[in-house]
Amino acid sequence: MTTSAAAPVRLTYVDDFGAESSGIVAYSWVSISADQWRDGLHKVLDWRAWMRDSQGIPKNYEPHMTKFANGRGNPSTFEDGWNRSKANRPLVLDETFALFGK
């Protein structure tokens, strides 16, 4: 009798967002194998520390991309006009996609 190996365990987070007025809903997810969880968590924590230290965005800020990318809200605590500068948010997005878009 042959036994097959169990499938690797994956941790998955699914989120949904949409606009009631249009009826459009979208889903996104992040999935990682359980054996890579520790490395993945360190990567996220390092990213959040980078956002805090270089962009003034506190670790407790929830980066909702529909608001953040469109320039809404005041995520940064920097007093130098960071929140009104159109150039700052794409820098954060580029860094984020470079780090997690692999």
C-alpha atoms as a PDB file:
ATOM      1  CA  MET A   1       0.000   0.000   0.000  1.00  0.00           C
ATOM      2  CA  THR A   2       1.327   3.444  -0.938  1.00  0.00           C
ATOM      3  CA  THR A   3       0.550   6.549   0.967  1.00  0.00           C
ATOM      4  CA  SER A   4       0.794   9.968  -0.511  1.00  0.00           C
ATOM      5  CA  ALA A   5       2.308  12.888   1.286  1.00  0.00           C
ATOM      6  CA  ALA A   6      -0.089  15.422   2.714  1.00  0.00           C
ATOM      7  CA  ALA A   7      -0.496  18.607   0.756  1.00  0.00           C
ATOM      8  CA  PRO A   8       1.507  21.503   2.214  1.00  0.00           C
ATOM      9  CA  VAL A   9      -0.449  23.687   4.609  1.00  0.00           C
ATOM     10  CA  ARG A  10      -1.129  27.203   3.341  1.00  0.00           C
ATOM     11  CA  LEU A  11      -2.315  30.220   5.289  1.00  0.00           C
ATOM     12  CA  THR A  12      -4.641  32.429   3.267  1.00  0.00           C
ATOM     13  CA  TYR A  13      -6.267  35.774   4.011  1.00  0.00           C
ATOM     14  CA  VAL A  14      -9.108  36.896   1.736  1.00  0.00           C
ATOM     15  CA  ASP A  15     -10.580  40.386   1.717  1.00  0.00           C
ATOM     16  CA  ASP A  16     -13.417  41.914  -0.241  1.00  0.00           C
ATOM     17  CA  PHE A  17     -14.200  45.459  -1.158  1.00  0.00           C
ATOM     18  CA  GLY A  18     -16.724  47.170  -3.337  1.00  0.00           C
ATOM     19  CA  ALA A  19     -19.094  50.003  -3.943  1.00  0.00           C
ATOM     20  CA  GLU A  20     -22.726  49.507  -3.073  1.00  0.00           C
ATOM     21  CA  SER A  21     -23.734  52.228  -5.534  1.00  0.00           C
ATOM     22  CA  SER A  22     -22.247  50.369  -8.521  1.00  0.00           C
ATOM     23  CA  GLY A  23     -22.692  46.825  -7.263  1.00  0.00           C
ATOM     24  CA  ILE A  24     -19.067  46.068  -8.127  1.00  0.00           C
ATOM     25  CA  VAL A  25     -17.228  43.792  -5.722  1.00  0.00           C
ATOM     26  CA  ALA A  26     -13.612  42.682  -5.893  1.00  0.00           C
ATOM     27  CA  TYR A  27     -11.691  40.140  -3.899  1.00  0.00           C
ATOM     28  CA  SER A  28      -8.010  39.979  -3.069  1.00  0.00           C
ATOM     29  CA  TRP A  29      -5.969  37.485  -1.146  1.00  0.00           C
ATOM     30  CA  VAL A  30      -2.581  36.735   0.249  1.00  0.00           C
ATOM     31  CA  SER A  31      -1.454  33.151   0.589  1.00  0.00           C
ATOM     32  CA  ILE A  32       1.735  31.736   2.040  1.00  0.00           C
ATOM     33  CA  SER A  33       2.870  28.245   2.857  1.00  0.00           C
ATOM     34  CA  ALA A  34       2.978  27.599   6.591  1.00  0.00           C
ATOM     35  CA  ASP A  35       6.696  26.861   6.517  1.00  0.00           C
ATOM     36  CA  GLN A  36       7.348  30.374   5.126  1.00  0.00           C
ATOM     37  CA  TRP A  37       5.121  32.155   7.633  1.00  0.00           C
ATOM     38  CA  ARG A  38       7.934  33.408   9.876  1.00  0.00           C
ATOM     39  CA  ASP A  39       9.900  34.894   6.959  1.00  0.00           C
ATOM     40  CA  GLY A  40       6.725  36.428   5.528  1.00  0.00           C
ATOM     41  CA  LEU A  41       5.801  38.003   8.847  1.00  0.00           C
ATOM     42  CA  HIS A  42       9.287  39.513   9.197  1.00  0.00           C
ATOM     43  CA  LYS A  43       8.985  40.934   5.682  1.00  0.00           C
ATOM     44  CA  VAL A  44       5.664  42.615   6.555  1.00  0.00           C
ATOM     45  CA  LEU A  45       7.010  43.965   9.849  1.00  0.00           C
ATOM     46  CA  ASP A  46      10.120  45.334   8.103  1.00  0.00           C
ATOM     47  CA  TRP A  47       7.889  46.999   5.486  1.00  0.00           C
ATOM     48  CA  ARG A  48       5.745  48.615   8.177  1.00  0.00           C
ATOM     49  CA  ALA A  49       8.894  49.822   9.981  1.00  0.00           C
ATOM     50  CA  TRP A  50      10.150  51.288   6.681  1.00  0.00           C
ATOM     51  CA  MET A  51       6.815  53.097   6.175  1.00  0.00           C
ATOM     52  CA  ARG A  52       7.016  54.498   9.714  1.00  0.00           C
ATOM     53  CA  ASP A  53      10.662  55.556   9.584  1.00  0.00           C
ATOM     54  CA  SER A  54      10.953  56.903   6.043  1.00  0.00           C
ATOM     55  CA  GLN A  55       7.390  58.054   5.311  1.00  0.00           C
ATOM     56  CA  GLY A  56       5.973  58.847   8.755  1.00  0.00           C
ATOM     57  CA  ILE A  57       3.131  56.337   8.363  1.00  0.00           C
ATOM     58  CA  PRO A  58       2.419  54.746  11.757  1.00  0.00           C
ATOM     59  CA  LYS A  59       2.300  50.970  12.093  1.00  0.00           C
ATOM     60  CA  ASN A  60      -1.341  51.137  13.177  1.00  0.00           C
ATOM     61  CA  TYR A  61      -2.422  52.928   9.967  1.00  0.00           C
ATOM     62  CA  GLU A  62      -4.595  50.652   7.799  1.00  0.00           C
ATOM     63  CA  PRO A  63      -3.385  51.161   4.220  1.00  0.00           C
ATOM     64  CA  HIS A  64      -6.648  50.906   2.275  1.00  0.00           C
ATOM     65  CA  MET A  65      -5.254  51.292  -1.218  1.00  0.00           C
ATOM     66  CA  THR A  66      -8.369  52.818  -2.807  1.00  0.00           C
ATOM     67  CA  LYS A  67      -7.977  55.757  -0.431  1.00  0.00           C
ATOM     68  CA  PHE A  68      -4.200  55.768  -0.134  1.00  0.00           C
ATOM     69  CA  ALA A  69      -3.350  55.552  -3.847  1.00  0.00           C
ATOM     70  CA  ASN A  70      -5.944  58.188  -4.724  1.00  0.00           C
ATOM     71  CA  GLY A  71      -4.462  60.686  -2.264  1.00  0.00           C
ATOM     72  CA  ARG A  72      -7.249  60.615   0.294  1.00  0.00           C
ATOM     73  CA  GLY A  73      -6.618  60.897   3.998  1.00  0.00           C
ATOM     74  CA  ASN A  74      -3.550  61.868   5.951  1.00  0.00           C
ATOM     75  CA  PRO A  75      -1.550  58.711   6.594  1.00  0.00           C
ATOM     76  CA  SER A  76       1.747  60.430   7.382  1.00  0.00           C
ATOM     77  CA  THR A  77       2.562  62.172  10.629  1.00  0.00           C
ATOM     78  CA  PHE A  78       5.264  64.235   8.908  1.00  0.00           C
ATOM     79  CA  GLU A  79       4.544  67.954   9.094  1.00  0.00           C
ATOM     80  CA  ASP A  80       6.320  68.787   5.826  1.00  0.00           C
ATOM     81  CA  GLY A  81       3.365  68.461   3.462  1.00  0.00           C
ATOM     82  CA  TRP A  82       3.878  64.736   2.831  1.00  0.00           C
ATOM     83  CA  ASN A  83       0.123  64.079   2.712  1.00  0.00           C
ATOM     84  CA  ARG A  84      -0.479  66.700  -0.003  1.00  0.00           C
ATOM     85  CA  SER A  85       2.444  65.686  -2.220  1.00  0.00           C
ATOM     86  CA  LYS A  86       1.343  63.569  -5.204  1.00  0.00           C
ATOM     87  CA  ALA A  87       4.866  62.151  -5.561  1.00  0.00           C
ATOM     88  CA  ASN A  88       5.028  60.457  -2.146  1.00  0.00           C
ATOM     89  CA  ARG A  89       2.285  57.865  -2.484  1.00  0.00           C
ATOM     90  CA  PRO A  90       3.610  56.302  -5.708  1.00  0.00           C
ATOM     91  CA  LEU A  91       6.991  55.906  -3.982  1.00  0.00           C
ATOM     92  CA  VAL A  92       5.322  53.891  -1.212  1.00  0.00           C
ATOM     93  CA  LEU A  93       3.358  51.839  -3.751  1.00  0.00           C
ATOM     94  CA  ASP A  94       6.461  51.142  -5.857  1.00  0.00           C
ATOM     95  CA  GLU A  95       8.359  49.967  -2.772  1.00  0.00           C
ATOM     96  CA  THR A  96       5.423  47.818  -1.687  1.00  0.00           C
ATOM     97  CA  PHE A  97       5.008  46.155  -5.091  1.00  0.00           C
ATOM     98  CA  ALA A  98       8.760  45.601  -5.376  1.00  0.00           C
ATOM     99  CA  LEU A  99       8.794  43.873  -2.007  1.00  0.00           C
ATOM    100  CA  PHE A 100       5.611  41.770  -2.269  1.00  0.00           C
ATOM    101  CA  GLY A 101       5.002  41.505  -6.002  1.00  0.00           C
ATOM    102  CA  LYS A 102       7.364  38.607  -6.501  1.00  0.00           C
END
